[in-house]
PDB file of N, CA and C in Angstrom:
ATOM      1  N   MET A   1      15.543  -1.397 -57.541  1.00  0.00           N
ATOM      2  CA  MET A   1      14.744  -2.579 -57.430  1.00  0.00           C
ATOM      3  C   MET A   1      14.981  -3.214 -56.060  1.00  0.00           C
ATOM      4  N   ILE A   2      13.921  -3.709 -55.453  1.00  0.00           N
ATOM      5  CA  ILE A   2      14.012  -4.318 -54.133  1.00  0.00           C
ATOM      6  C   ILE A   2      14.314  -5.795 -54.295  1.00  0.00           C
ATOM      7  N   GLN A   3      15.317  -6.252 -53.564  1.00  0.00           N
ATOM      8  CA  GLN A   3      15.690  -7.658 -53.622  1.00  0.00           C
ATOM      9  C   GLN A   3      15.011  -8.413 -52.487  1.00  0.00           C
ATOM     10  N   GLY A   4      14.737  -9.654 -52.718  1.00  0.00           N
ATOM     11  CA  GLY A   4      14.152 -10.503 -51.686  1.00  0.00           C
ATOM     12  C   GLY A   4      15.179 -10.832 -50.606  1.00  0.00           C
ATOM     13  N   VAL A   5      14.688 -11.340 -49.505  1.00  0.00           N
ATOM     14  CA  VAL A   5      15.572 -11.706 -48.404  1.00  0.00           C
ATOM     15  C   VAL A   5      16.288 -12.994 -48.753  1.00  0.00           C
ATOM     16  N   ASN A   6      17.569 -12.946 -48.679  1.00  0.00           N
ATOM     17  CA  ASN A   6      18.390 -14.113 -48.942  1.00  0.00           C
ATOM     18  C   ASN A   6      18.690 -14.783 -47.608  1.00  0.00           C
ATOM     19  N   GLN A   7      18.381 -16.064 -47.499  1.00  0.00           N
ATOM     20  CA  GLN A   7      18.597 -16.751 -46.236  1.00  0.00           C
ATOM     21  C   GLN A   7      20.071 -16.883 -45.893  1.00  0.00           C
ATOM     22  N   GLY A   8      20.927 -16.695 -46.824  1.00  0.00           N
ATOM     23  CA  GLY A   8      22.357 -16.749 -46.563  1.00  0.00           C
ATOM     24  C   GLY A   8      22.819 -15.587 -45.687  1.00  0.00           C
ATOM     25  N   TRP A   9      22.082 -14.497 -45.678  1.00  0.00           N
ATOM     26  CA  TRP A   9      22.446 -13.334 -44.872  1.00  0.00           C
ATOM     27  C   TRP A   9      22.079 -13.516 -43.406  1.00  0.00           C
ATOM     28  N   VAL A  10      21.113 -14.364 -43.147  1.00  0.00           N
ATOM     29  CA  VAL A  10      20.644 -14.558 -41.776  1.00  0.00           C
ATOM     30  C   VAL A  10      21.382 -15.741 -41.171  1.00  0.00           C
ATOM     31  N   PRO A  11      22.164 -15.510 -40.114  1.00  0.00           N
ATOM     32  CA  PRO A  11      22.892 -16.633 -39.521  1.00  0.00           C
ATOM     33  C   PRO A  11      21.934 -17.577 -38.804  1.00  0.00           C
ATOM     34  N   ALA A  12      22.228 -18.841 -38.898  1.00  0.00           N
ATOM     35  CA  ALA A  12      21.400 -19.845 -38.230  1.00  0.00           C
ATOM     36  C   ALA A  12      21.693 -19.829 -36.733  1.00  0.00           C
ATOM     37  N   VAL A  13      20.651 -20.012 -35.950  1.00  0.00           N
ATOM     38  CA  VAL A  13      20.790 -20.046 -34.500  1.00  0.00           C
ATOM     39  C   VAL A  13      20.542 -21.469 -34.050  1.00  0.00           C
ATOM     40  N   SER A  14      21.513 -22.027 -33.362  1.00  0.00           N
ATOM     41  CA  SER A  14      21.328 -23.393 -32.874  1.00  0.00           C
ATOM     42  C   SER A  14      20.624 -23.352 -31.524  1.00  0.00           C
ATOM     43  N   ASN A  15      20.062 -24.469 -31.139  1.00  0.00           N
ATOM     44  CA  ASN A  15      19.351 -24.551 -29.864  1.00  0.00           C
ATOM     45  C   ASN A  15      20.278 -24.344 -28.680  1.00  0.00           C
ATOM     46  N   THR A  16      21.541 -24.724 -28.805  1.00  0.00           N
ATOM     47  CA  THR A  16      22.466 -24.574 -27.685  1.00  0.00           C
ATOM     48  C   THR A  16      22.796 -23.113 -27.418  1.00  0.00           C
ATOM     49  N   GLU A  17      22.722 -22.265 -28.441  1.00  0.00           N
ATOM     50  CA  GLU A  17      22.988 -20.846 -28.239  1.00  0.00           C
ATOM     51  C   GLU A  17      21.871 -20.166 -27.465  1.00  0.00           C
ATOM     52  N   MET A  18      20.692 -20.746 -27.485  1.00  0.00           N
ATOM     53  CA  MET A  18      19.553 -20.131 -26.824  1.00  0.00           C
ATOM     54  C   MET A  18      19.440 -20.539 -25.361  1.00  0.00           C
ATOM     55  N   LEU A  19      20.205 -21.547 -24.933  1.00  0.00           N
ATOM     56  CA  LEU A  19      20.137 -21.990 -23.551  1.00  0.00           C
ATOM     57  C   LEU A  19      20.824 -20.981 -22.641  1.00  0.00           C
ATOM     58  N   PRO A  20      20.284 -20.772 -21.450  1.00  0.00           N
ATOM     59  CA  PRO A  20      20.937 -19.837 -20.532  1.00  0.00           C
ATOM     60  C   PRO A  20      22.285 -20.389 -20.086  1.00  0.00           C
ATOM     61  N   THR A  21      23.204 -19.477 -19.793  1.00  0.00           N
ATOM     62  CA  THR A  21      24.544 -19.901 -19.399  1.00  0.00           C
ATOM     63  C   THR A  21      24.621 -20.258 -17.925  1.00  0.00           C
ATOM     64  N   THR A  22      23.704 -19.758 -17.112  1.00  0.00           N
ATOM     65  CA  THR A  22      23.701 -20.099 -15.693  1.00  0.00           C
ATOM     66  C   THR A  22      22.456 -20.902 -15.379  1.00  0.00           C
ATOM     67  N   LYS A  23      22.551 -21.695 -14.349  1.00  0.00           N
ATOM     68  CA  LYS A  23      21.393 -22.473 -13.930  1.00  0.00           C
ATOM     69  C   LYS A  23      20.410 -21.550 -13.235  1.00  0.00           C
ATOM     70  N   SER A  24      19.137 -21.869 -13.366  1.00  0.00           N
ATOM     71  CA  SER A  24      18.115 -20.999 -12.787  1.00  0.00           C
ATOM     72  C   SER A  24      18.194 -20.981 -11.271  1.00  0.00           C
ATOM     73  N   SER A  25      18.565 -22.083 -10.650  1.00  0.00           N
ATOM     74  CA  SER A  25      18.654 -22.097  -9.193  1.00  0.00           C
ATOM     75  C   SER A  25      19.768 -21.181  -8.705  1.00  0.00           C
ATOM     76  N   GLU A  26      20.883 -21.121  -9.438  1.00  0.00           N
ATOM     77  CA  GLU A  26      21.965 -20.212  -9.076  1.00  0.00           C
ATOM     78  C   GLU A  26      21.528 -18.765  -9.233  1.00  0.00           C
ATOM     79  N   ALA A  27      20.799 -18.479 -10.292  1.00  0.00           N
ATOM     80  CA  ALA A  27      20.308 -17.121 -10.515  1.00  0.00           C
ATOM     81  C   ALA A  27      19.305 -16.726  -9.443  1.00  0.00           C
ATOM     82  N   GLN A  28      18.456 -17.669  -9.046  1.00  0.00           N
ATOM     83  CA  GLN A  28      17.487 -17.382  -7.992  1.00  0.00           C
ATOM     84  C   GLN A  28      18.190 -17.107  -6.677  1.00  0.00           C
ATOM     85  N   LYS A  29      19.227 -17.879  -6.372  1.00  0.00           N
ATOM     86  CA  LYS A  29      19.977 -17.653  -5.138  1.00  0.00           C
ATOM     87  C   LYS A  29      20.657 -16.292  -5.162  1.00  0.00           C
ATOM     88  N   ALA A  30      21.236 -15.939  -6.297  1.00  0.00           N
ATOM     89  CA  ALA A  30      21.909 -14.650  -6.411  1.00  0.00           C
ATOM     90  C   ALA A  30      20.907 -13.513  -6.264  1.00  0.00           C
ATOM     91  N   PHE A  31      19.740 -13.652  -6.885  1.00  0.00           N
ATOM     92  CA  PHE A  31      18.724 -12.608  -6.794  1.00  0.00           C
ATOM     93  C   PHE A  31      18.193 -12.490  -5.377  1.00  0.00           C
ATOM     94  N   SER A  32      17.937 -13.624  -4.728  1.00  0.00           N
ATOM     95  CA  SER A  32      17.425 -13.572  -3.358  1.00  0.00           C
ATOM     96  C   SER A  32      18.471 -12.997  -2.412  1.00  0.00           C
ATOM     97  N   GLN A  33      19.751 -13.304  -2.650  1.00  0.00           N
ATOM     98  CA  GLN A  33      20.814 -12.727  -1.814  1.00  0.00           C
ATOM     99  C   GLN A  33      20.904 -11.224  -2.033  1.00  0.00           C
ATOM    100  N   PHE A  34      20.742 -10.782  -3.280  1.00  0.00           N
ATOM    101  CA  PHE A  34      20.751  -9.349  -3.581  1.00  0.00           C
ATOM    102  C   PHE A  34      19.616  -8.639  -2.849  1.00  0.00           C
ATOM    103  N   LEU A  35      18.423  -9.228  -2.883  1.00  0.00           N
ATOM    104  CA  LEU A  35      17.287  -8.625  -2.186  1.00  0.00           C
ATOM    105  C   LEU A  35      17.510  -8.592  -0.679  1.00  0.00           C
ATOM    106  N   LYS A  36      18.044  -9.679  -0.148  1.00  0.00           N
ATOM    107  CA  LYS A  36      18.310  -9.740   1.288  1.00  0.00           C
ATOM    108  C   LYS A  36      19.311  -8.658   1.694  1.00  0.00           C
ATOM    109  N   ASP A  37      20.379  -8.493   0.912  1.00  0.00           N
ATOM    110  CA  ASP A  37      21.383  -7.474   1.206  1.00  0.00           C
ATOM    111  C   ASP A  37      20.789  -6.070   1.132  1.00  0.00           C
ATOM    112  N   ALA A  38      19.950  -5.832   0.132  1.00  0.00           N
ATOM    113  CA  ALA A  38      19.330  -4.513  -0.013  1.00  0.00           C
ATOM    114  C   ALA A  38      18.413  -4.204   1.165  1.00  0.00           C
ATOM    115  N   ILE A  39      17.632  -5.183   1.596  1.00  0.00           N
ATOM    116  CA  ILE A  39      16.736  -4.977   2.737  1.00  0.00           C
ATOM    117  C   ILE A  39      17.543  -4.750   4.006  1.00  0.00           C
ATOM    118  N   ASN A  40      18.648  -5.481   4.161  1.00  0.00           N
ATOM    119  CA  ASN A  40      19.502  -5.281   5.331  1.00  0.00           C
ATOM    120  C   ASN A  40      20.121  -3.889   5.349  1.00  0.00           C
ATOM    121  N   LYS A  41      20.492  -3.364   4.179  1.00  0.00           N
ATOM    122  CA  LYS A  41      21.050  -2.009   4.110  1.00  0.00           C
ATOM    123  C   LYS A  41      20.008  -0.973   4.506  1.00  0.00           C
ATOM    124  N   VAL A  42      18.778  -1.154   4.047  1.00  0.00           N
ATOM    125  CA  VAL A  42      17.699  -0.237   4.429  1.00  0.00           C
ATOM    126  C   VAL A  42      17.486  -0.302   5.935  1.00  0.00           C
ATOM    127  N   ASN A  43      17.489  -1.500   6.485  1.00  0.00           N
ATOM    128  CA  ASN A  43      17.315  -1.664   7.922  1.00  0.00           C
ATOM    129  C   ASN A  43      18.462  -1.011   8.693  1.00  0.00           C
ATOM    130  N   ASP A  44      19.692  -1.172   8.213  1.00  0.00           N
ATOM    131  CA  ASP A  44      20.842  -0.555   8.878  1.00  0.00           C
ATOM    132  C   ASP A  44      20.723   0.964   8.903  1.00  0.00           C
ATOM    133  N   GLU A  45      20.263   1.550   7.803  1.00  0.00           N
ATOM    134  CA  GLU A  45      20.064   3.005   7.760  1.00  0.00           C
ATOM    135  C   GLU A  45      19.013   3.440   8.779  1.00  0.00           C
ATOM    136  N   GLN A  46      17.942   2.672   8.895  1.00  0.00           N
ATOM    137  CA  GLN A  46      16.885   2.995   9.857  1.00  0.00           C
ATOM    138  C   GLN A  46      17.412   2.900  11.290  1.00  0.00           C
ATOM    139  N   VAL A  47      18.167   1.854  11.582  1.00  0.00           N
ATOM    140  CA  VAL A  47      18.713   1.660  12.930  1.00  0.00           C
ATOM    141  C   VAL A  47      19.686   2.782  13.275  1.00  0.00           C
ATOM    142  N   LYS A  48      20.552   3.141  12.337  1.00  0.00           N
ATOM    143  CA  LYS A  48      21.510   4.227  12.569  1.00  0.00           C
ATOM    144  C   LYS A  48      20.778   5.533  12.843  1.00  0.00           C
ATOM    145  N   SER A  49      19.749   5.806  12.067  1.00  0.00           N
ATOM    146  CA  SER A  49      18.961   7.023  12.269  1.00  0.00           C
ATOM    147  C   SER A  49      18.299   7.020  13.643  1.00  0.00           C
ATOM    148  N   ASP A  50      17.729   5.889  14.022  1.00  0.00           N
ATOM    149  CA  ASP A  50      17.079   5.789  15.333  1.00  0.00           C
ATOM    150  C   ASP A  50      18.068   5.987  16.473  1.00  0.00           C
ATOM    151  N   GLU A  51      19.258   5.398  16.349  1.00  0.00           N
ATOM    152  CA  GLU A  51      20.271   5.536  17.396  1.00  0.00           C
ATOM    153  C   GLU A  51      20.710   6.985  17.554  1.00  0.00           C
ATOM    154  N   LEU A  52      20.977   7.660  16.436  1.00  0.00           N
ATOM    155  CA  LEU A  52      21.402   9.057  16.513  1.00  0.00           C
ATOM    156  C   LEU A  52      20.293   9.946  17.062  1.00  0.00           C
ATOM    157  N   THR A  53      19.058   9.677  16.667  1.00  0.00           N
ATOM    158  CA  THR A  53      17.929  10.459  17.185  1.00  0.00           C
ATOM    159  C   THR A  53      17.788  10.255  18.684  1.00  0.00           C
ATOM    160  N   GLN A  54      17.938   9.028  19.130  1.00  0.00           N
ATOM    161  CA  GLN A  54      17.832   8.735  20.565  1.00  0.00           C
ATOM    162  C   GLN A  54      18.952   9.423  21.345  1.00  0.00           C
ATOM    163  N   LYS A  55      20.161   9.435  20.801  1.00  0.00           N
ATOM    164  CA  LYS A  55      21.273  10.128  21.457  1.00  0.00           C
ATOM    165  C   LYS A  55      20.997  11.623  21.555  1.00  0.00           C
ATOM    166  N   LEU A  56      20.442  12.199  20.500  1.00  0.00           N
ATOM    167  CA  LEU A  56      20.127  13.626  20.514  1.00  0.00           C
ATOM    168  C   LEU A  56      19.061  13.930  21.553  1.00  0.00           C
ATOM    169  N   VAL A  57      18.046  13.099  21.638  1.00  0.00           N
ATOM    170  CA  VAL A  57      16.960  13.300  22.601  1.00  0.00           C
ATOM    171  C   VAL A  57      17.481  13.167  24.030  1.00  0.00           C
ATOM    172  N   ASN A  58      18.426  12.255  24.253  1.00  0.00           N
ATOM    173  CA  ASN A  58      18.980  12.050  25.593  1.00  0.00           C
ATOM    174  C   ASN A  58      19.972  13.132  25.991  1.00  0.00           C
ATOM    175  N   GLY A  59      20.297  14.026  25.089  1.00  0.00           N
ATOM    176  CA  GLY A  59      21.191  15.133  25.401  1.00  0.00           C
ATOM    177  C   GLY A  59      22.658  14.808  25.221  1.00  0.00           C
ATOM    178  N   GLU A  60      22.960  13.709  24.566  1.00  0.00           N
ATOM    179  CA  GLU A  60      24.357  13.358  24.316  1.00  0.00           C
ATOM    180  C   GLU A  60      24.930  14.290  23.256  1.00  0.00           C
ATOM    181  N   ASN A  61      26.257  14.304  23.171  1.00  0.00           N
ATOM    182  CA  ASN A  61      26.943  15.213  22.264  1.00  0.00           C
ATOM    183  C   ASN A  61      26.901  14.656  20.836  1.00  0.00           C
ATOM    184  N   VAL A  62      25.841  14.999  20.113  1.00  0.00           N
ATOM    185  CA  VAL A  62      25.662  14.575  18.726  1.00  0.00           C
ATOM    186  C   VAL A  62      25.293  15.812  17.919  1.00  0.00           C
ATOM    187  N   ASP A  63      25.956  15.973  16.772  1.00  0.00           N
ATOM    188  CA  ASP A  63      25.644  17.118  15.917  1.00  0.00           C
ATOM    189  C   ASP A  63      24.266  16.944  15.291  1.00  0.00           C
ATOM    190  N   LEU A  64      23.499  18.020  15.288  1.00  0.00           N
ATOM    191  CA  LEU A  64      22.154  17.978  14.730  1.00  0.00           C
ATOM    192  C   LEU A  64      22.181  17.636  13.242  1.00  0.00           C
ATOM    193  N   HIS A  65      23.172  18.173  12.532  1.00  0.00           N
ATOM    194  CA  HIS A  65      23.215  17.894  11.094  1.00  0.00           C
ATOM    195  C   HIS A  65      23.487  16.417  10.811  1.00  0.00           C
ATOM    196  N   GLN A  66      24.250  15.732  11.670  1.00  0.00           N
ATOM    197  CA  GLN A  66      24.468  14.300  11.489  1.00  0.00           C
ATOM    198  C   GLN A  66      23.165  13.527  11.668  1.00  0.00           C
ATOM    199  N   VAL A  67      22.373  13.952  12.648  1.00  0.00           N
ATOM    200  CA  VAL A  67      21.084  13.297  12.891  1.00  0.00           C
ATOM    201  C   VAL A  67      20.157  13.505  11.701  1.00  0.00           C
ATOM    202  N   MET A  68      20.126  14.719  11.187  1.00  0.00           N
ATOM    203  CA  MET A  68      19.244  15.020  10.057  1.00  0.00           C
ATOM    204  C   MET A  68      19.684  14.283   8.788  1.00  0.00           C
ATOM    205  N   ILE A  69      20.985  14.216   8.564  1.00  0.00           N
ATOM    206  CA  ILE A  69      21.485  13.502   7.384  1.00  0.00           C
ATOM    207  C   ILE A  69      21.150  12.017   7.480  1.00  0.00           C
ATOM    208  N   ALA A  70      21.361  11.428   8.654  1.00  0.00           N
ATOM    209  CA  ALA A  70      21.038  10.008   8.839  1.00  0.00           C
ATOM    210  C   ALA A  70      19.545   9.770   8.665  1.00  0.00           C
ATOM    211  N   SER A  71      18.744  10.696   9.163  1.00  0.00           N
ATOM    212  CA  SER A  71      17.290  10.568   9.031  1.00  0.00           C
ATOM    213  C   SER A  71      16.863  10.633   7.568  1.00  0.00           C
ATOM    214  N   GLN A  72      17.446  11.539   6.819  1.00  0.00           N
ATOM    215  CA  GLN A  72      17.101  11.659   5.400  1.00  0.00           C
ATOM    216  C   GLN A  72      17.589  10.454   4.593  1.00  0.00           C
ATOM    217  N   LYS A  73      18.784   9.951   4.918  1.00  0.00           N
ATOM    218  CA  LYS A  73      19.272   8.747   4.237  1.00  0.00           C
ATOM    219  C   LYS A  73      18.325   7.576   4.477  1.00  0.00           C
ATOM    220  N   ALA A  74      17.884   7.434   5.722  1.00  0.00           N
ATOM    221  CA  ALA A  74      16.961   6.346   6.056  1.00  0.00           C
ATOM    222  C   ALA A  74      15.638   6.522   5.324  1.00  0.00           C
ATOM    223  N   SER A  75      15.161   7.747   5.273  1.00  0.00           N
ATOM    224  CA  SER A  75      13.893   8.021   4.605  1.00  0.00           C
ATOM    225  C   SER A  75      13.982   7.735   3.103  1.00  0.00           C
ATOM    226  N   ILE A  76      15.045   8.192   2.482  1.00  0.00           N
ATOM    227  CA  ILE A  76      15.209   7.997   1.039  1.00  0.00           C
ATOM    228  C   ILE A  76      15.388   6.517   0.706  1.00  0.00           C
ATOM    229  N   SER A  77      16.166   5.801   1.517  1.00  0.00           N
ATOM    230  CA  SER A  77      16.363   4.374   1.239  1.00  0.00           C
ATOM    231  C   SER A  77      15.060   3.600   1.411  1.00  0.00           C
ATOM    232  N   LEU A  78      14.240   3.983   2.384  1.00  0.00           N
ATOM    233  CA  LEU A  78      12.947   3.324   2.565  1.00  0.00           C
ATOM    234  C   LEU A  78      12.005   3.644   1.402  1.00  0.00           C
ATOM    235  N   GLN A  79      11.998   4.894   0.951  1.00  0.00           N
ATOM    236  CA  GLN A  79      11.165   5.264  -0.194  1.00  0.00           C
ATOM    237  C   GLN A  79      11.583   4.493  -1.446  1.00  0.00           C
ATOM    238  N   LEU A  80      12.889   4.349  -1.643  1.00  0.00           N
ATOM    239  CA  LEU A  80      13.384   3.588  -2.792  1.00  0.00           C
ATOM    240  C   LEU A  80      12.947   2.131  -2.702  1.00  0.00           C
ATOM    241  N   ALA A  81      13.064   1.543  -1.519  1.00  0.00           N
ATOM    242  CA  ALA A  81      12.650   0.147  -1.339  1.00  0.00           C
ATOM    243  C   ALA A  81      11.160  -0.017  -1.624  1.00  0.00           C
ATOM    244  N   LEU A  82      10.357   0.934  -1.189  1.00  0.00           N
ATOM    245  CA  LEU A  82       8.918   0.865  -1.448  1.00  0.00           C
ATOM    246  C   LEU A  82       8.610   0.986  -2.937  1.00  0.00           C
ATOM    247  N   GLU A  83       9.316   1.864  -3.630  1.00  0.00           N
ATOM    248  CA  GLU A  83       9.087   2.020  -5.066  1.00  0.00           C
ATOM    249  C   GLU A  83       9.514   0.770  -5.835  1.00  0.00           C
ATOM    250  N   VAL A  84      10.619   0.165  -5.428  1.00  0.00           N
ATOM    251  CA  VAL A  84      11.050  -1.081  -6.072  1.00  0.00           C
ATOM    252  C   VAL A  84      10.011  -2.165  -5.832  1.00  0.00           C
ATOM    253  N   ARG A  85       9.509  -2.243  -4.598  1.00  0.00           N
ATOM    254  CA  ARG A  85       8.464  -3.225  -4.286  1.00  0.00           C
ATOM    255  C   ARG A  85       7.236  -2.989  -5.157  1.00  0.00           C
ATOM    256  N   ASN A  86       6.829  -1.730  -5.292  1.00  0.00           N
ATOM    257  CA  ASN A  86       5.657  -1.410  -6.109  1.00  0.00           C
ATOM    258  C   ASN A  86       5.864  -1.821  -7.565  1.00  0.00           C
ATOM    259  N   LYS A  87       7.064  -1.591  -8.095  1.00  0.00           N
ATOM    260  CA  LYS A  87       7.349  -1.968  -9.484  1.00  0.00           C
ATOM    261  C   LYS A  87       7.360  -3.486  -9.654  1.00  0.00           C
ATOM    262  N   VAL A  88       7.878  -4.200  -8.668  1.00  0.00           N
ATOM    263  CA  VAL A  88       7.887  -5.663  -8.740  1.00  0.00           C
ATOM    264  C   VAL A  88       6.460  -6.193  -8.726  1.00  0.00           C
ATOM    265  N   ILE A  89       5.627  -5.648  -7.853  1.00  0.00           N
ATOM    266  CA  ILE A  89       4.225  -6.071  -7.791  1.00  0.00           C
ATOM    267  C   ILE A  89       3.513  -5.737  -9.094  1.00  0.00           C
ATOM    268  N   GLU A  90       3.786  -4.564  -9.629  1.00  0.00           N
ATOM    269  CA  GLU A  90       3.170  -4.158 -10.896  1.00  0.00           C
ATOM    270  C   GLU A  90       3.589  -5.096 -12.029  1.00  0.00           C
ATOM    271  N   ALA A  91       4.862  -5.467 -12.073  1.00  0.00           N
ATOM    272  CA  ALA A  91       5.344  -6.389 -13.106  1.00  0.00           C
ATOM    273  C   ALA A  91       4.711  -7.767 -12.938  1.00  0.00           C
ATOM    274  N   TYR A  92       4.589  -8.225 -11.702  1.00  0.00           N
ATOM    275  CA  TYR A  92       3.959  -9.523 -11.437  1.00  0.00           C
ATOM    276  C   TYR A  92       2.503  -9.509 -11.894  1.00  0.00           C
ATOM    277  N   GLN A  93       1.785  -8.446 -11.572  1.00  0.00           N
ATOM    278  CA  GLN A  93       0.382  -8.350 -11.972  1.00  0.00           C
ATOM    279  C   GLN A  93       0.250  -8.299 -13.488  1.00  0.00           C
ATOM    280  N   GLU A  94       1.169  -7.613 -14.138  1.00  0.00           N
ATOM    281  CA  GLU A  94       1.149  -7.552 -15.601  1.00  0.00           C
ATOM    282  C   GLU A  94       1.389  -8.935 -16.203  1.00  0.00           C
ATOM    283  N   MET A  95       2.290  -9.695 -15.622  1.00  0.00           N
ATOM    284  CA  MET A  95       2.545 -11.051 -16.110  1.00  0.00           C
ATOM    285  C   MET A  95       1.332 -11.942 -15.893  1.00  0.00           C
ATOM    286  N   MET A  96       0.621 -11.757 -14.808  1.00  0.00           N
ATOM    287  CA  MET A  96      -0.563 -12.567 -14.534  1.00  0.00           C
ATOM    288  C   MET A  96      -1.705 -12.230 -15.495  1.00  0.00           C
ATOM    289  N   ARG A  97      -1.711 -11.013 -16.024  1.00  0.00           N
ATOM    290  CA  ARG A  97      -2.743 -10.618 -16.984  1.00  0.00           C
ATOM    291  C   ARG A  97      -2.450 -11.135 -18.394  1.00  0.00           C
ATOM    292  N   MET A  98      -1.221 -11.575 -18.640  1.00  0.00           N
ATOM    293  CA  MET A  98      -0.864 -12.073 -19.971  1.00  0.00           C
ATOM    294  C   MET A  98      -1.606 -13.364 -20.270  1.00  0.00           C
ATOM    295  N   GLN A  99      -2.030 -13.470 -21.509  1.00  0.00           N
ATOM    296  CA  GLN A  99      -2.703 -14.687 -21.934  1.00  0.00           C
ATOM    297  C   GLN A  99      -1.672 -15.646 -22.506  1.00  0.00           C
ATOM    298  N   VAL A 100      -1.857 -16.899 -22.193  1.00  0.00           N
ATOM    299  CA  VAL A 100      -0.903 -17.913 -22.646  1.00  0.00           C
ATOM    300  C   VAL A 100      -1.330 -18.480 -23.976  1.00  0.00           C
TER     301      VAL A 100
END
């Protein structure tokens, strides 16, 4: 036999438990700092790749494999940043399509 739902089994949730533990401004600052750091890392990879490529072109003593590895790291980090950007834009557009 199937028993009905007993409200004693379901714990009550108070309004204070539903409040976020951090302030939204602190979370926004942390998120913006995370994005800034990620963009700076992508930029650093690009700059390193450009410097090594320029040294190789100028005939300085630089191993070709180091140049290629730096170039691929820069390329992959840029592709990742673009994909993250695309997903953020897609999520934003999806939220804008939601009906209130």
